[in-house]
PDB file of all heavy atoms in Angstrom:
ATOM      1  N   ASP A   1     -37.134 -20.283 -22.272  1.00  0.00           N
ATOM      2  CA  ASP A   1     -37.634 -21.675 -22.081  1.00  0.00           C
ATOM      3  C   ASP A   1     -38.498 -22.176 -23.230  1.00  0.00           C
ATOM      4  O   ASP A   1     -39.193 -21.388 -23.865  1.00  0.00           O
ATOM      5  CB  ASP A   1     -38.477 -21.752 -20.819  1.00  0.00           C
ATOM      6  CG  ASP A   1     -37.628 -21.696 -19.531  1.00  0.00           C
ATOM      7  OD1 ASP A   1     -36.425 -21.675 -19.561  1.00  0.00           O
ATOM      8  OD2 ASP A   1     -38.278 -21.688 -18.460  1.00  0.00           O
ATOM      9  N   ARG A   2     -38.368 -23.461 -23.528  1.00  0.00           N
ATOM     10  CA  ARG A   2     -39.187 -24.080 -24.497  1.00  0.00           C
ATOM     11  C   ARG A   2     -40.469 -24.563 -23.803  1.00  0.00           C
ATOM     12  O   ARG A   2     -40.399 -25.168 -22.712  1.00  0.00           O
ATOM     13  CB  ARG A   2     -38.465 -25.246 -25.133  1.00  0.00           C
ATOM     14  CG  ARG A   2     -39.263 -26.009 -26.136  1.00  0.00           C
ATOM     15  CD  ARG A   2     -38.396 -26.987 -26.908  1.00  0.00           C
ATOM     16  NE  ARG A   2     -39.238 -27.724 -27.872  1.00  0.00           N
ATOM     17  CZ  ARG A   2     -39.844 -27.209 -28.879  1.00  0.00           C
ATOM     18  NH1 ARG A   2     -39.726 -25.912 -29.143  1.00  0.00           N
ATOM     19  NH2 ARG A   2     -40.628 -27.910 -29.696  1.00  0.00           N
ATOM     20  N   VAL A   3     -41.612 -24.255 -24.389  1.00  0.00           N
ATOM     21  CA  VAL A   3     -42.905 -24.656 -23.838  1.00  0.00           C
ATOM     22  C   VAL A   3     -43.643 -25.520 -24.828  1.00  0.00           C
ATOM     23  O   VAL A   3     -43.525 -25.309 -26.065  1.00  0.00           O
ATOM     24  CB  VAL A   3     -43.749 -23.474 -23.361  1.00  0.00           C
ATOM     25  CG1 VAL A   3     -43.109 -22.727 -22.239  1.00  0.00           C
ATOM     26  CG2 VAL A   3     -44.023 -22.542 -24.508  1.00  0.00           C
ATOM     27  N   GLU A   4     -44.496 -26.384 -24.308  1.00  0.00           N
ATOM     28  CA  GLU A   4     -45.341 -27.209 -25.148  1.00  0.00           C
ATOM     29  C   GLU A   4     -46.786 -26.692 -25.033  1.00  0.00           C
ATOM     30  O   GLU A   4     -47.161 -26.152 -24.016  1.00  0.00           O
ATOM     31  CB  GLU A   4     -45.334 -28.701 -24.674  1.00  0.00           C
ATOM     32  CG  GLU A   4     -43.967 -29.362 -24.735  1.00  0.00           C
ATOM     33  CD  GLU A   4     -43.503 -29.575 -26.135  1.00  0.00           C
ATOM     34  OE1 GLU A   4     -44.310 -29.861 -27.025  1.00  0.00           O
ATOM     35  OE2 GLU A   4     -42.271 -29.458 -26.428  1.00  0.00           O
ATOM     36  N   GLU A   5     -47.544 -26.853 -26.065  1.00  0.00           N
ATOM     37  CA  GLU A   5     -49.002 -26.458 -26.018  1.00  0.00           C
ATOM     38  C   GLU A   5     -49.637 -27.157 -24.835  1.00  0.00           C
ATOM     39  O   GLU A   5     -49.452 -28.374 -24.655  1.00  0.00           O
ATOM     40  CB  GLU A   5     -49.685 -26.850 -27.297  1.00  0.00           C
ATOM     41  CG  GLU A   5     -51.115 -26.364 -27.360  1.00  0.00           C
ATOM     42  CD  GLU A   5     -51.725 -26.633 -28.708  1.00  0.00           C
ATOM     43  OE1 GLU A   5     -51.040 -26.952 -29.665  1.00  0.00           O
ATOM     44  OE2 GLU A   5     -52.986 -26.618 -28.763  1.00  0.00           O
ATOM     45  N   GLY A   6     -50.367 -26.389 -23.993  1.00  0.00           N
ATOM     46  CA  GLY A   6     -50.994 -26.986 -22.849  1.00  0.00           C
ATOM     47  C   GLY A   6     -50.209 -26.904 -21.551  1.00  0.00           C
ATOM     48  O   GLY A   6     -50.717 -27.176 -20.473  1.00  0.00           O
ATOM     49  N   GLN A   7     -48.935 -26.522 -21.667  1.00  0.00           N
ATOM     50  CA  GLN A   7     -48.086 -26.397 -20.483  1.00  0.00           C
ATOM     51  C   GLN A   7     -48.495 -25.179 -19.710  1.00  0.00           C
ATOM     52  O   GLN A   7     -48.768 -24.107 -20.290  1.00  0.00           O
ATOM     53  CB  GLN A   7     -46.622 -26.260 -20.942  1.00  0.00           C
ATOM     54  CG  GLN A   7     -45.608 -26.089 -19.796  1.00  0.00           C
ATOM     55  CD  GLN A   7     -44.168 -26.029 -20.291  1.00  0.00           C
ATOM     56  OE1 GLN A   7     -43.880 -26.519 -21.377  1.00  0.00           O
ATOM     57  NE2 GLN A   7     -43.338 -25.477 -19.526  1.00  0.00           N
ATOM     58  N   THR A   8     -48.450 -25.236 -18.377  1.00  0.00           N
ATOM     59  CA  THR A   8     -48.827 -24.081 -17.526  1.00  0.00           C
ATOM     60  C   THR A   8     -47.701 -23.001 -17.615  1.00  0.00           C
ATOM     61  O   THR A   8     -46.537 -23.308 -17.465  1.00  0.00           O
ATOM     62  CB  THR A   8     -48.989 -24.503 -16.063  1.00  0.00           C
ATOM     63  OG1 THR A   8     -50.071 -25.515 -16.010  1.00  0.00           O
ATOM     64  CG2 THR A   8     -49.366 -23.372 -15.181  1.00  0.00           C
ATOM     65  N   LEU A   9     -48.159 -21.756 -17.873  1.00  0.00           N
ATOM     66  CA  LEU A   9     -47.267 -20.617 -17.913  1.00  0.00           C
ATOM     67  C   LEU A   9     -47.264 -19.778 -16.648  1.00  0.00           C
ATOM     68  O   LEU A   9     -46.258 -19.210 -16.267  1.00  0.00           O
ATOM     69  CB  LEU A   9     -47.677 -19.741 -19.121  1.00  0.00           C
ATOM     70  CG  LEU A   9     -47.616 -20.359 -20.486  1.00  0.00           C
ATOM     71  CD1 LEU A   9     -48.135 -19.406 -21.551  1.00  0.00           C
ATOM     72  CD2 LEU A   9     -46.196 -20.748 -20.813  1.00  0.00           C
ATOM     73  N   CYS A  10     -48.467 -19.672 -16.050  1.00  0.00           N
ATOM     74  CA  CYS A  10     -48.584 -18.810 -14.853  1.00  0.00           C
ATOM     75  C   CYS A  10     -49.942 -19.174 -14.214  1.00  0.00           C
ATOM     76  O   CYS A  10     -50.753 -19.951 -14.668  1.00  0.00           O
ATOM     77  CB  CYS A  10     -48.562 -17.353 -15.242  1.00  0.00           C
ATOM     78  SG  CYS A  10     -49.976 -16.771 -16.212  1.00  0.00           S
ATOM     79  N   ILE A  11     -50.213 -18.425 -13.100  1.00  0.00           N
ATOM     80  CA  ILE A  11     -51.457 -18.532 -12.444  1.00  0.00           C
ATOM     81  C   ILE A  11     -52.113 -17.130 -12.424  1.00  0.00           C
ATOM     82  O   ILE A  11     -51.425 -16.147 -12.226  1.00  0.00           O
ATOM     83  CB  ILE A  11     -51.346 -19.035 -10.983  1.00  0.00           C
ATOM     84  CG1 ILE A  11     -50.956 -20.482 -11.009  1.00  0.00           C
ATOM     85  CG2 ILE A  11     -52.623 -18.862 -10.197  1.00  0.00           C
ATOM     86  CD1 ILE A  11     -50.695 -21.104  -9.652  1.00  0.00           C
ATOM     87  N   LEU A  12     -53.390 -17.035 -12.697  1.00  0.00           N
ATOM     88  CA  LEU A  12     -54.117 -15.825 -12.536  1.00  0.00           C
ATOM     89  C   LEU A  12     -55.151 -16.032 -11.447  1.00  0.00           C
ATOM     90  O   LEU A  12     -55.939 -16.931 -11.483  1.00  0.00           O
ATOM     91  CB  LEU A  12     -54.838 -15.460 -13.898  1.00  0.00           C
ATOM     92  CG  LEU A  12     -53.905 -15.256 -15.068  1.00  0.00           C
ATOM     93  CD1 LEU A  12     -54.729 -15.143 -16.356  1.00  0.00           C
ATOM     94  CD2 LEU A  12     -53.110 -14.010 -14.867  1.00  0.00           C
ATOM     95  N   GLU A  13     -55.063 -15.154 -10.475  1.00  0.00           N
ATOM     96  CA  GLU A  13     -55.949 -15.208  -9.295  1.00  0.00           C
ATOM     97  C   GLU A  13     -57.037 -14.190  -9.469  1.00  0.00           C
ATOM     98  O   GLU A  13     -56.783 -13.004  -9.734  1.00  0.00           O
ATOM     99  CB  GLU A  13     -55.180 -15.026  -8.017  1.00  0.00           C
ATOM    100  CG  GLU A  13     -56.128 -14.983  -6.759  1.00  0.00           C
ATOM    101  CD  GLU A  13     -55.465 -14.547  -5.530  1.00  0.00           C
ATOM    102  OE1 GLU A  13     -54.363 -14.028  -5.552  1.00  0.00           O
ATOM    103  OE2 GLU A  13     -56.141 -14.621  -4.472  1.00  0.00           O
ATOM    104  N   ALA A  14     -58.287 -14.633  -9.274  1.00  0.00           N
ATOM    105  CA  ALA A  14     -59.432 -13.752  -9.198  1.00  0.00           C
ATOM    106  C   ALA A  14     -60.379 -14.209  -8.189  1.00  0.00           C
ATOM    107  O   ALA A  14     -60.805 -15.367  -8.184  1.00  0.00           O
ATOM    108  CB  ALA A  14     -60.079 -13.712 -10.595  1.00  0.00           C
ATOM    109  N   MET A  15     -60.720 -13.353  -7.255  1.00  0.00           N
ATOM    110  CA  MET A  15     -61.708 -13.640  -6.209  1.00  0.00           C
ATOM    111  C   MET A  15     -61.323 -14.982  -5.523  1.00  0.00           C
ATOM    112  O   MET A  15     -62.174 -15.808  -5.314  1.00  0.00           O
ATOM    113  CB  MET A  15     -63.088 -13.669  -6.794  1.00  0.00           C
ATOM    114  CG  MET A  15     -63.517 -12.299  -7.355  1.00  0.00           C
ATOM    115  SD  MET A  15     -65.156 -12.332  -8.014  1.00  0.00           S
ATOM    116  CE  MET A  15     -66.101 -12.635  -6.527  1.00  0.00           C
ATOM    117  N   LYS A  16     -60.098 -15.122  -5.144  1.00  0.00           N
ATOM    118  CA  LYS A  16     -59.565 -16.290  -4.410  1.00  0.00           C
ATOM    119  C   LYS A  16     -59.610 -17.551  -5.205  1.00  0.00           C
ATOM    120  O   LYS A  16     -59.400 -18.647  -4.646  1.00  0.00           O
ATOM    121  CB  LYS A  16     -60.361 -16.470  -3.053  1.00  0.00           C
ATOM    122  CG  LYS A  16     -60.424 -15.297  -2.217  1.00  0.00           C
ATOM    123  CD  LYS A  16     -59.196 -15.063  -1.390  1.00  0.00           C
ATOM    124  CE  LYS A  16     -59.389 -13.956  -0.384  1.00  0.00           C
ATOM    125  NZ  LYS A  16     -58.416 -12.997  -0.417  1.00  0.00           N
ATOM    126  N   LEU A  17     -59.845 -17.488  -6.506  1.00  0.00           N
ATOM    127  CA  LEU A  17     -59.756 -18.692  -7.369  1.00  0.00           C
ATOM    128  C   LEU A  17     -58.435 -18.593  -8.139  1.00  0.00           C
ATOM    129  O   LEU A  17     -58.131 -17.561  -8.704  1.00  0.00           O
ATOM    130  CB  LEU A  17     -60.934 -18.710  -8.392  1.00  0.00           C
ATOM    131  CG  LEU A  17     -62.319 -18.946  -7.746  1.00  0.00           C
ATOM    132  CD1 LEU A  17     -63.328 -18.791  -8.893  1.00  0.00           C
ATOM    133  CD2 LEU A  17     -62.391 -20.323  -7.124  1.00  0.00           C
ATOM    134  N   MET A  18     -57.687 -19.697  -8.111  1.00  0.00           N
ATOM    135  CA  MET A  18     -56.395 -19.773  -8.824  1.00  0.00           C
ATOM    136  C   MET A  18     -56.645 -20.459 -10.165  1.00  0.00           C
ATOM    137  O   MET A  18     -57.121 -21.602 -10.231  1.00  0.00           O
ATOM    138  CB  MET A  18     -55.410 -20.566  -8.007  1.00  0.00           C
ATOM    139  CG  MET A  18     -55.127 -19.951  -6.633  1.00  0.00           C
ATOM    140  SD  MET A  18     -54.465 -18.309  -6.749  1.00  0.00           S
ATOM    141  CE  MET A  18     -54.199 -17.975  -5.063  1.00  0.00           C
ATOM    142  N   ASN A  19     -56.332 -19.791 -11.254  1.00  0.00           N
ATOM    143  CA  ASN A  19     -56.581 -20.272 -12.612  1.00  0.00           C
ATOM    144  C   ASN A  19     -55.270 -20.432 -13.372  1.00  0.00           C
ATOM    145  O   ASN A  19     -54.538 -19.422 -13.490  1.00  0.00           O
ATOM    146  CB  ASN A  19     -57.477 -19.244 -13.327  1.00  0.00           C
ATOM    147  CG  ASN A  19     -58.741 -18.967 -12.587  1.00  0.00           C
ATOM    148  OD1 ASN A  19     -59.628 -19.753 -12.659  1.00  0.00           O
ATOM    149  ND2 ASN A  19     -58.820 -17.858 -11.892  1.00  0.00           N
ATOM    150  N   GLU A  20     -54.965 -21.609 -13.808  1.00  0.00           N
ATOM    151  CA  GLU A  20     -53.765 -21.848 -14.561  1.00  0.00           C
ATOM    152  C   GLU A  20     -53.970 -21.333 -15.985  1.00  0.00           C
ATOM    153  O   GLU A  20     -54.976 -21.628 -16.613  1.00  0.00           O
ATOM    154  CB  GLU A  20     -53.431 -23.339 -14.586  1.00  0.00           C
ATOM    155  CG  GLU A  20     -52.998 -23.874 -13.269  1.00  0.00           C
ATOM    156  CD  GLU A  20     -52.558 -25.334 -13.305  1.00  0.00           C
ATOM    157  OE1 GLU A  20     -52.881 -26.032 -14.367  1.00  0.00           O
ATOM    158  OE2 GLU A  20     -51.930 -25.823 -12.396  1.00  0.00           O
ATOM    159  N   LEU A  21     -52.982 -20.616 -16.513  1.00  0.00           N
ATOM    160  CA  LEU A  21     -52.968 -20.169 -17.922  1.00  0.00           C
ATOM    161  C   LEU A  21     -52.013 -21.079 -18.625  1.00  0.00           C
ATOM    162  O   LEU A  21     -50.877 -21.181 -18.258  1.00  0.00           O
ATOM    163  CB  LEU A  21     -52.600 -18.720 -18.022  1.00  0.00           C
ATOM    164  CG  LEU A  21     -52.614 -18.160 -19.415  1.00  0.00           C
ATOM    165  CD1 LEU A  21     -54.003 -18.146 -20.024  1.00  0.00           C
ATOM    166  CD2 LEU A  21     -52.000 -16.775 -19.470  1.00  0.00           C
ATOM    167  N   GLU A  22     -52.477 -21.693 -19.727  1.00  0.00           N
ATOM    168  CA  GLU A  22     -51.666 -22.654 -20.448  1.00  0.00           C
ATOM    169  C   GLU A  22     -51.204 -22.099 -21.736  1.00  0.00           C
ATOM    170  O   GLU A  22     -51.842 -21.234 -22.344  1.00  0.00           O
ATOM    171  CB  GLU A  22     -52.518 -23.940 -20.669  1.00  0.00           C
ATOM    172  CG  GLU A  22     -52.943 -24.635 -19.443  1.00  0.00           C
ATOM    173  CD  GLU A  22     -53.807 -25.829 -19.692  1.00  0.00           C
ATOM    174  OE1 GLU A  22     -54.249 -25.999 -20.856  1.00  0.00           O
ATOM    175  OE2 GLU A  22     -54.030 -26.570 -18.748  1.00  0.00           O
ATOM    176  N   ALA A  23     -50.057 -22.619 -22.266  1.00  0.00           N
ATOM    177  CA  ALA A  23     -49.490 -22.172 -23.478  1.00  0.00           C
ATOM    178  C   ALA A  23     -50.410 -22.610 -24.622  1.00  0.00           C
ATOM    179  O   ALA A  23     -51.003 -23.717 -24.639  1.00  0.00           O
ATOM    180  CB  ALA A  23     -48.152 -22.822 -23.695  1.00  0.00           C
ATOM    181  N   GLU A  24     -50.646 -21.710 -25.553  1.00  0.00           N
ATOM    182  CA  GLU A  24     -51.549 -21.958 -26.687  1.00  0.00           C
ATOM    183  C   GLU A  24     -50.801 -22.602 -27.877  1.00  0.00           C
ATOM    184  O   GLU A  24     -51.411 -23.129 -28.789  1.00  0.00           O
ATOM    185  CB  GLU A  24     -52.235 -20.648 -27.106  1.00  0.00           C
ATOM    186  CG  GLU A  24     -53.025 -20.038 -25.997  1.00  0.00           C
ATOM    187  CD  GLU A  24     -53.315 -18.563 -26.245  1.00  0.00           C
ATOM    188  OE1 GLU A  24     -52.797 -18.002 -27.230  1.00  0.00           O
ATOM    189  OE2 GLU A  24     -54.067 -17.985 -25.409  1.00  0.00           O
ATOM    190  N   VAL A  25     -49.470 -22.459 -27.844  1.00  0.00           N
ATOM    191  CA  VAL A  25     -48.643 -22.984 -28.924  1.00  0.00           C
ATOM    192  C   VAL A  25     -47.368 -23.612 -28.355  1.00  0.00           C
ATOM    193  O   VAL A  25     -46.990 -23.337 -27.224  1.00  0.00           O
ATOM    194  CB  VAL A  25     -48.174 -21.870 -29.907  1.00  0.00           C
ATOM    195  CG1 VAL A  25     -49.364 -21.307 -30.652  1.00  0.00           C
ATOM    196  CG2 VAL A  25     -47.420 -20.802 -29.254  1.00  0.00           C
ATOM    197  N   THR A  26     -46.716 -24.435 -29.146  1.00  0.00           N
ATOM    198  CA  THR A  26     -45.409 -25.027 -28.751  1.00  0.00           C
ATOM    199  C   THR A  26     -44.317 -24.102 -29.372  1.00  0.00           C
ATOM    200  O   THR A  26     -44.438 -23.659 -30.528  1.00  0.00           O
ATOM    201  CB  THR A  26     -45.269 -26.437 -29.358  1.00  0.00           C
ATOM    202  OG1 THR A  26     -46.264 -27.268 -28.763  1.00  0.00           O
ATOM    203  CG2 THR A  26     -43.894 -27.016 -29.061  1.00  0.00           C
ATOM    204  N   GLY A  27     -43.369 -23.714 -28.523  1.00  0.00           N
ATOM    205  CA  GLY A  27     -42.320 -22.844 -28.978  1.00  0.00           C
ATOM    206  C   GLY A  27     -41.452 -22.388 -27.855  1.00  0.00           C
ATOM    207  O   GLY A  27     -41.317 -23.024 -26.825  1.00  0.00           O
TER     208      GLY A  27
END
């Protein structure tokens, strides 16, 4: 898949908090 910088890649859950991890580069 092609992703843009800032696009959500996944979610990381810690202590019931859902954290979106974003693409750092376009590619």
